[in-house]
Amino acid sequence: MIKITHWRGWAGRLEEEALAIWLAAQDPRMPWGAQLMALLATAYAFSPIDLIPDAVPVLGLLDDLVLVPLGLWLALKLTPPVVLADARVEATQRLDEGLPVSRTAAIVIVLLWIALAAALVWWAWTAWIR
């Protein structure tokens, strides 16, 4: 059985890796495709709002357990080793300051939810009310 301290250690490493990827995305040596993937993955990881709220049974937790690590893993694979090594050193130093918060990603997620609600209202209006 895996102990809770193992999971806490894994979560701490995930935070450090996410911060390193975010810092690497700002490095001019980073290829544009890898930079885009890194920015998308870290924006979602650092967003205070989830795409699928945790209150939704199963799916709400799966996005945190699958989407975030998968996006960060892909960004790690696309990042050049030299850039990643430098970013990890800086991330270790900056981790004491706290993790960044992606307000832009939160706004995008809220806008997606508003668009979904508007589409649902429009569909209901055209399907049932007319």
N, C-alpha and C. Protein backbone atom coordinates (compact mmCIF):
# COMPACT_ATOMS: atom_id res chain seq x y z
N MET A 1 0.85 -1.19 0.00
CA MET A 1 0.00 0.00 0.00
C MET A 1 0.89 1.25 0.00
N ILE A 2 0.49 2.24 -0.76
CA ILE A 2 1.26 3.48 -0.86
C ILE A 2 0.87 4.42 0.27
N LYS A 3 1.87 4.96 0.91
CA LYS A 3 1.62 5.85 2.05
C LYS A 3 1.32 7.26 1.58
N ILE A 4 0.64 8.02 2.44
CA ILE A 4 0.26 9.40 2.12
C ILE A 4 1.50 10.27 1.92
N THR A 5 2.59 9.97 2.61
CA THR A 5 3.81 10.76 2.43
C THR A 5 4.36 10.59 1.02
N HIS A 6 4.16 9.41 0.43
CA HIS A 6 4.58 9.20 -0.96
C HIS A 6 3.81 10.12 -1.89
N TRP A 7 2.49 10.23 -1.69
CA TRP A 7 1.66 11.10 -2.53
C TRP A 7 2.01 12.56 -2.33
N ARG A 8 2.30 12.95 -1.10
CA ARG A 8 2.69 14.35 -0.85
C ARG A 8 4.00 14.69 -1.54
N GLY A 9 4.94 13.75 -1.51
CA GLY A 9 6.21 13.96 -2.20
C GLY A 9 6.02 14.07 -3.70
N TRP A 10 5.15 13.22 -4.26
CA TRP A 10 4.85 13.27 -5.68
C TRP A 10 4.20 14.59 -6.06
N ALA A 11 3.27 15.05 -5.23
CA ALA A 11 2.60 16.33 -5.50
C ALA A 11 3.59 17.49 -5.43
N GLY A 12 4.51 17.45 -4.48
CA GLY A 12 5.52 18.49 -4.38
C GLY A 12 6.43 18.51 -5.59
N ARG A 13 6.82 17.34 -6.09
CA ARG A 13 7.65 17.28 -7.30
C ARG A 13 6.87 17.77 -8.51
N LEU A 14 5.58 17.48 -8.56
CA LEU A 14 4.74 17.93 -9.66
C LEU A 14 4.66 19.45 -9.68
N GLU A 15 4.51 20.05 -8.51
CA GLU A 15 4.50 21.52 -8.42
C GLU A 15 5.82 22.10 -8.91
N GLU A 16 6.92 21.50 -8.49
CA GLU A 16 8.23 21.99 -8.90
C GLU A 16 8.44 21.83 -10.41
N GLU A 17 8.00 20.70 -10.95
CA GLU A 17 8.14 20.48 -12.40
C GLU A 17 7.26 21.45 -13.17
N ALA A 18 6.04 21.71 -12.68
CA ALA A 18 5.15 22.65 -13.35
C ALA A 18 5.76 24.05 -13.36
N LEU A 19 6.35 24.46 -12.26
CA LEU A 19 7.01 25.76 -12.20
C LEU A 19 8.20 25.80 -13.14
N ALA A 20 8.96 24.71 -13.21
CA ALA A 20 10.11 24.64 -14.11
C ALA A 20 9.66 24.74 -15.57
N ILE A 21 8.57 24.07 -15.91
CA ILE A 21 8.06 24.14 -17.29
C ILE A 21 7.59 25.55 -17.61
N TRP A 22 6.93 26.19 -16.65
CA TRP A 22 6.47 27.57 -16.85
C TRP A 22 7.66 28.50 -17.08
N LEU A 23 8.71 28.32 -16.31
CA LEU A 23 9.91 29.14 -16.50
C LEU A 23 10.59 28.82 -17.83
N ALA A 24 10.62 27.55 -18.21
CA ALA A 24 11.24 27.16 -19.48
C ALA A 24 10.48 27.75 -20.66
N ALA A 25 9.17 27.87 -20.53
CA ALA A 25 8.35 28.43 -21.62
C ALA A 25 8.71 29.89 -21.89
N GLN A 26 9.28 30.55 -20.92
CA GLN A 26 9.65 31.95 -21.09
C GLN A 26 11.08 32.11 -21.62
N ASP A 27 11.77 31.00 -21.79
CA ASP A 27 13.16 31.01 -22.26
C ASP A 27 13.17 31.14 -23.79
N PRO A 28 13.98 32.07 -24.33
CA PRO A 28 14.01 32.25 -25.79
C PRO A 28 14.61 31.05 -26.54
N ARG A 29 15.31 30.15 -25.86
CA ARG A 29 15.88 28.97 -26.50
C ARG A 29 14.84 27.87 -26.73
N MET A 30 13.65 28.07 -26.22
CA MET A 30 12.59 27.07 -26.32
C MET A 30 11.93 27.13 -27.70
N PRO A 31 11.77 25.99 -28.40
CA PRO A 31 11.06 25.99 -29.68
C PRO A 31 9.60 26.43 -29.49
N TRP A 32 9.03 27.05 -30.52
CA TRP A 32 7.69 27.63 -30.37
C TRP A 32 6.63 26.57 -30.08
N GLY A 33 6.70 25.38 -30.65
CA GLY A 33 5.71 24.33 -30.38
C GLY A 33 5.77 23.87 -28.93
N ALA A 34 6.97 23.67 -28.46
CA ALA A 34 7.16 23.27 -27.06
C ALA A 34 6.75 24.40 -26.13
N GLN A 35 7.02 25.62 -26.53
CA GLN A 35 6.64 26.77 -25.73
C GLN A 35 5.12 26.87 -25.60
N LEU A 36 4.42 26.66 -26.71
CA LEU A 36 2.95 26.70 -26.69
C LEU A 36 2.39 25.60 -25.78
N MET A 37 2.91 24.38 -25.91
CA MET A 37 2.44 23.27 -25.08
C MET A 37 2.73 23.55 -23.61
N ALA A 38 3.90 24.07 -23.32
CA ALA A 38 4.27 24.38 -21.94
C ALA A 38 3.36 25.45 -21.35
N LEU A 39 3.07 26.49 -22.14
CA LEU A 39 2.19 27.55 -21.65
C LEU A 39 0.78 27.04 -21.42
N LEU A 40 0.26 26.22 -22.32
CA LEU A 40 -1.09 25.67 -22.14
C LEU A 40 -1.16 24.76 -20.92
N ALA A 41 -0.18 23.89 -20.78
CA ALA A 41 -0.17 22.94 -19.66
C ALA A 41 -0.05 23.66 -18.32
N THR A 42 0.85 24.62 -18.24
CA THR A 42 1.03 25.31 -16.96
C THR A 42 -0.10 26.29 -16.67
N ALA A 43 -0.67 26.90 -17.71
CA ALA A 43 -1.82 27.79 -17.48
C ALA A 43 -2.96 27.01 -16.85
N TYR A 44 -3.22 25.81 -17.37
CA TYR A 44 -4.28 24.99 -16.80
C TYR A 44 -3.91 24.48 -15.41
N ALA A 45 -2.65 24.11 -15.23
CA ALA A 45 -2.21 23.61 -13.92
C ALA A 45 -2.30 24.68 -12.85
N PHE A 46 -1.97 25.92 -13.21
CA PHE A 46 -1.97 27.00 -12.23
C PHE A 46 -3.28 27.78 -12.18
N SER A 47 -4.25 27.38 -12.99
CA SER A 47 -5.54 28.06 -12.99
C SER A 47 -6.30 27.76 -11.70
N PRO A 48 -6.88 28.78 -11.08
CA PRO A 48 -7.65 28.52 -9.86
C PRO A 48 -9.00 27.86 -10.14
N ILE A 49 -9.40 27.77 -11.41
CA ILE A 49 -10.68 27.18 -11.78
C ILE A 49 -10.42 26.00 -12.71
N ASP A 50 -11.07 24.87 -12.45
CA ASP A 50 -10.93 23.69 -13.29
C ASP A 50 -11.90 23.75 -14.46
N LEU A 51 -11.51 23.13 -15.57
CA LEU A 51 -12.39 23.02 -16.71
C LEU A 51 -13.61 22.18 -16.35
N ILE A 52 -13.38 21.09 -15.66
CA ILE A 52 -14.47 20.25 -15.14
C ILE A 52 -14.43 20.38 -13.62
N PRO A 53 -15.44 21.00 -13.02
CA PRO A 53 -15.42 21.22 -11.57
C PRO A 53 -15.29 19.90 -10.80
N ASP A 54 -14.63 19.95 -9.66
CA ASP A 54 -14.42 18.76 -8.84
C ASP A 54 -15.73 18.19 -8.30
N ALA A 55 -16.78 19.00 -8.31
CA ALA A 55 -18.08 18.53 -7.82
C ALA A 55 -18.72 17.52 -8.76
N VAL A 56 -18.29 17.50 -10.03
CA VAL A 56 -18.81 16.52 -10.98
C VAL A 56 -18.19 15.16 -10.63
N PRO A 57 -19.03 14.18 -10.32
CA PRO A 57 -18.49 12.89 -9.89
C PRO A 57 -17.54 12.28 -10.93
N VAL A 58 -16.47 11.76 -10.49
CA VAL A 58 -15.42 11.06 -11.24
C VAL A 58 -14.70 11.99 -12.23
N LEU A 59 -15.42 12.59 -13.17
CA LEU A 59 -14.78 13.44 -14.19
C LEU A 59 -14.06 14.64 -13.58
N GLY A 60 -14.62 15.20 -12.52
CA GLY A 60 -14.02 16.36 -11.89
C GLY A 60 -12.65 16.07 -11.31
N LEU A 61 -12.47 14.88 -10.81
CA LEU A 61 -11.16 14.50 -10.26
C LEU A 61 -10.24 13.96 -11.33
N LEU A 62 -10.81 13.34 -12.36
CA LEU A 62 -9.98 12.78 -13.42
C LEU A 62 -9.22 13.85 -14.18
N ASP A 63 -9.81 15.03 -14.34
CA ASP A 63 -9.07 16.06 -15.06
C ASP A 63 -7.84 16.49 -14.27
N ASP A 64 -7.94 16.49 -12.95
CA ASP A 64 -6.77 16.83 -12.13
C ASP A 64 -5.75 15.69 -12.12
N LEU A 65 -6.23 14.46 -12.14
CA LEU A 65 -5.34 13.31 -12.06
C LEU A 65 -4.77 12.88 -13.41
N VAL A 66 -5.44 13.28 -14.51
CA VAL A 66 -4.99 12.84 -15.83
C VAL A 66 -4.52 14.01 -16.70
N LEU A 67 -5.38 15.02 -16.88
CA LEU A 67 -5.05 16.11 -17.79
C LEU A 67 -3.81 16.90 -17.38
N VAL A 68 -3.74 17.27 -16.13
CA VAL A 68 -2.59 18.08 -15.67
C VAL A 68 -1.28 17.29 -15.79
N PRO A 69 -1.17 16.09 -15.22
CA PRO A 69 0.10 15.36 -15.38
C PRO A 69 0.44 15.03 -16.83
N LEU A 70 -0.58 14.70 -17.64
CA LEU A 70 -0.34 14.38 -19.04
C LEU A 70 0.18 15.59 -19.81
N GLY A 71 -0.44 16.74 -19.58
CA GLY A 71 0.02 17.97 -20.23
C GLY A 71 1.43 18.35 -19.81
N LEU A 72 1.71 18.22 -18.52
CA LEU A 72 3.05 18.55 -18.03
C LEU A 72 4.08 17.55 -18.55
N TRP A 73 3.71 16.27 -18.63
CA TRP A 73 4.62 15.26 -19.16
C TRP A 73 4.96 15.56 -20.62
N LEU A 74 3.95 15.91 -21.41
CA LEU A 74 4.20 16.22 -22.82
C LEU A 74 5.08 17.46 -22.95
N ALA A 75 4.82 18.46 -22.13
CA ALA A 75 5.67 19.66 -22.16
C ALA A 75 7.10 19.33 -21.76
N LEU A 76 7.26 18.45 -20.77
CA LEU A 76 8.61 18.03 -20.37
C LEU A 76 9.34 17.34 -21.51
N LYS A 77 8.64 16.47 -22.24
CA LYS A 77 9.25 15.74 -23.35
C LYS A 77 9.65 16.66 -24.50
N LEU A 78 8.91 17.75 -24.69
CA LEU A 78 9.18 18.67 -25.80
C LEU A 78 10.25 19.72 -25.45
N THR A 79 10.54 19.87 -24.16
CA THR A 79 11.49 20.89 -23.71
C THR A 79 12.92 20.40 -23.89
N PRO A 80 13.78 21.21 -24.51
CA PRO A 80 15.19 20.83 -24.64
C PRO A 80 15.83 20.62 -23.26
N PRO A 81 16.68 19.60 -23.11
CA PRO A 81 17.28 19.27 -21.81
C PRO A 81 18.04 20.43 -21.16
N VAL A 82 18.75 21.21 -21.96
CA VAL A 82 19.53 22.32 -21.40
C VAL A 82 18.60 23.38 -20.80
N VAL A 83 17.53 23.69 -21.52
CA VAL A 83 16.56 24.68 -21.04
C VAL A 83 15.88 24.16 -19.78
N LEU A 84 15.52 22.89 -19.80
CA LEU A 84 14.84 22.29 -18.64
C LEU A 84 15.74 22.27 -17.41
N ALA A 85 17.01 21.96 -17.59
CA ALA A 85 17.95 21.94 -16.46
C ALA A 85 18.07 23.33 -15.82
N ASP A 86 18.20 24.35 -16.67
CA ASP A 86 18.29 25.72 -16.14
C ASP A 86 16.99 26.12 -15.43
N ALA A 87 15.85 25.74 -16.02
CA ALA A 87 14.55 26.09 -15.43
C ALA A 87 14.34 25.37 -14.11
N ARG A 88 14.81 24.12 -14.00
CA ARG A 88 14.66 23.39 -12.73
C ARG A 88 15.46 24.03 -11.61
N VAL A 89 16.64 24.53 -11.93
CA VAL A 89 17.46 25.21 -10.92
C VAL A 89 16.73 26.47 -10.44
N GLU A 90 16.21 27.24 -11.39
CA GLU A 90 15.49 28.47 -11.02
C GLU A 90 14.19 28.14 -10.28
N ALA A 91 13.51 27.07 -10.67
CA ALA A 91 12.27 26.68 -10.00
C ALA A 91 12.52 26.31 -8.55
N THR A 92 13.60 25.61 -8.29
CA THR A 92 13.94 25.24 -6.92
C THR A 92 14.16 26.47 -6.07
N GLN A 93 14.81 27.48 -6.65
CA GLN A 93 15.05 28.73 -5.92
C GLN A 93 13.76 29.51 -5.71
N ARG A 94 12.88 29.52 -6.69
CA ARG A 94 11.66 30.32 -6.64
C ARG A 94 10.51 29.66 -5.89
N LEU A 95 10.60 28.38 -5.62
CA LEU A 95 9.49 27.66 -5.02
C LEU A 95 9.10 28.23 -3.66
N ASP A 96 10.04 28.82 -2.97
CA ASP A 96 9.74 29.43 -1.66
C ASP A 96 8.81 30.64 -1.80
N GLU A 97 8.82 31.28 -2.97
CA GLU A 97 7.97 32.45 -3.20
C GLU A 97 6.52 32.06 -3.44
N GLY A 98 6.28 30.81 -3.75
CA GLY A 98 4.93 30.33 -4.03
C GLY A 98 4.72 30.15 -5.52
N LEU A 99 3.68 29.42 -5.85
CA LEU A 99 3.38 29.13 -7.25
C LEU A 99 2.61 30.29 -7.88
N PRO A 100 2.82 30.52 -9.17
CA PRO A 100 2.04 31.56 -9.85
C PRO A 100 0.59 31.13 -9.99
N VAL A 101 -0.29 32.09 -10.19
CA VAL A 101 -1.70 31.82 -10.42
C VAL A 101 -2.04 32.34 -11.80
N SER A 102 -2.64 31.50 -12.63
CA SER A 102 -2.98 31.89 -13.99
C SER A 102 -4.40 32.44 -14.03
N ARG A 103 -4.52 33.73 -13.90
CA ARG A 103 -5.84 34.36 -13.97
C ARG A 103 -6.37 34.35 -15.40
N THR A 104 -5.48 34.41 -16.37
CA THR A 104 -5.90 34.37 -17.77
C THR A 104 -6.58 33.04 -18.07
N ALA A 105 -5.97 31.94 -17.62
CA ALA A 105 -6.59 30.63 -17.84
C ALA A 105 -7.93 30.54 -17.12
N ALA A 106 -8.03 31.12 -15.94
CA ALA A 106 -9.29 31.11 -15.21
C ALA A 106 -10.36 31.86 -15.99
N ILE A 107 -10.00 32.99 -16.57
CA ILE A 107 -10.95 33.77 -17.36
C ILE A 107 -11.39 32.98 -18.60
N VAL A 108 -10.45 32.33 -19.27
CA VAL A 108 -10.79 31.52 -20.45
C VAL A 108 -11.75 30.39 -20.06
N ILE A 109 -11.50 29.74 -18.93
CA ILE A 109 -12.37 28.65 -18.49
C ILE A 109 -13.76 29.18 -18.15
N VAL A 110 -13.84 30.31 -17.49
CA VAL A 110 -15.15 30.91 -17.18
C VAL A 110 -15.88 31.26 -18.47
N LEU A 111 -15.16 31.82 -19.46
CA LEU A 111 -15.79 32.15 -20.74
C LEU A 111 -16.28 30.89 -21.45
N LEU A 112 -15.53 29.79 -21.36
CA LEU A 112 -15.98 28.53 -21.95
C LEU A 112 -17.27 28.04 -21.29
N TRP A 113 -17.35 28.16 -19.96
CA TRP A 113 -18.56 27.75 -19.26
C TRP A 113 -19.74 28.64 -19.64
N ILE A 114 -19.51 29.94 -19.79
CA ILE A 114 -20.58 30.85 -20.21
C ILE A 114 -21.05 30.51 -21.62
N ALA A 115 -20.10 30.22 -22.53
CA ALA A 115 -20.46 29.84 -23.90
C ALA A 115 -21.25 28.54 -23.90
N LEU A 116 -20.85 27.58 -23.08
CA LEU A 116 -21.57 26.33 -22.98
C LEU A 116 -22.99 26.54 -22.46
N ALA A 117 -23.13 27.38 -21.45
CA ALA A 117 -24.46 27.68 -20.90
C ALA A 117 -25.32 28.38 -21.95
N ALA A 118 -24.74 29.32 -22.69
CA ALA A 118 -25.49 30.03 -23.74
C ALA A 118 -25.92 29.06 -24.84
N ALA A 119 -25.03 28.14 -25.22
CA ALA A 119 -25.38 27.15 -26.24
C ALA A 119 -26.50 26.23 -25.74
N LEU A 120 -26.45 25.86 -24.48
CA LEU A 120 -27.49 25.02 -23.90
C LEU A 120 -28.83 25.74 -23.89
N VAL A 121 -28.83 27.01 -23.50
CA VAL A 121 -30.07 27.80 -23.50
C VAL A 121 -30.60 27.93 -24.92
N TRP A 122 -29.72 28.21 -25.87
CA TRP A 122 -30.13 28.35 -27.26
C TRP A 122 -30.73 27.04 -27.78
N TRP A 123 -30.07 25.92 -27.48
CA TRP A 123 -30.57 24.62 -27.90
C TRP A 123 -31.94 24.33 -27.29
N ALA A 124 -32.08 24.61 -26.00
CA ALA A 124 -33.36 24.38 -25.33
C ALA A 124 -34.44 25.27 -25.94
N TRP A 125 -34.11 26.49 -26.23
CA TRP A 125 -35.06 27.44 -26.81
C TRP A 125 -35.53 26.96 -28.19
N THR A 126 -34.59 26.53 -29.01
CA THR A 126 -34.96 26.10 -30.36
C THR A 126 -35.63 24.73 -30.37
N ALA A 127 -35.29 23.87 -29.44
CA ALA A 127 -35.82 22.51 -29.45
C ALA A 127 -37.19 22.40 -28.77
N TRP A 128 -37.38 23.09 -27.68
CA TRP A 128 -38.59 22.87 -26.89
C TRP A 128 -39.56 24.03 -26.87
N ILE A 129 -39.07 25.21 -26.83
CA ILE A 129 -39.95 26.36 -26.61
C ILE A 129 -40.62 26.80 -27.90
N ARG A 130 -39.94 26.76 -28.99
CA ARG A 130 -40.53 27.19 -30.26
C ARG A 130 -41.55 26.23 -30.64
